[in-house]
Amino acid sequence: MRAVIQRVEEARVTVEGRAVGEISKGLLVLLAIEASDGLEDLAFLKKKILNLRVFEDEQGKMNLSLLDAGGSVLMVSQFTLYGDSRKGNRPSYSRAAPPTQAKKLYHELIEQLRLEGVTVEAGKFQAMMKVALVNDGPVTLIVDSKKGYY
């Protein structure tokens, strides 16, 4: 699993002009699922989303996690994070999971975060979406369950 995680003051996702998910303070998570991903990858990403210390404490230092800060999550599926543009100008998405597998893991991650008490809003899987955000910081991280950069 690969995610671009952004600390936001607010974020919203719309489908066909209608807001389907909206949060105030929290994390916008753009999520891609690879064909080889499974429950271990889901557990890794869940832990990172919950525990990354990217929110400021009283001294202005990034020492607080999403759980500590009481933030929300806006989860948006984005298979294009597995786009490979090394050859030519048209990216290949062959590493991205098939829609059935990706949808299952996408919804499972949302449910797992909710079970931890986090408010999670979400985009619509496989829809054309518009995402609007106010990035706070800006703080943006790339987390990948297989790559070792996080």
Foldseek 3Di string as FASTA:
>chain_A
DKKKKWFFQKKFKDFPRHTQFIFGGAIEIADFAFQPDDDVQLVVVLCCQFAPQQDQDPVGDSGDHCVRVVGAYEYEYDLCVCFDCPPDHGTDSNGTHPQVVGVVSSVVSVVVNVVVVHHYTYDDPPGDMDMDTGGPVGDIAMDGSPDPGD
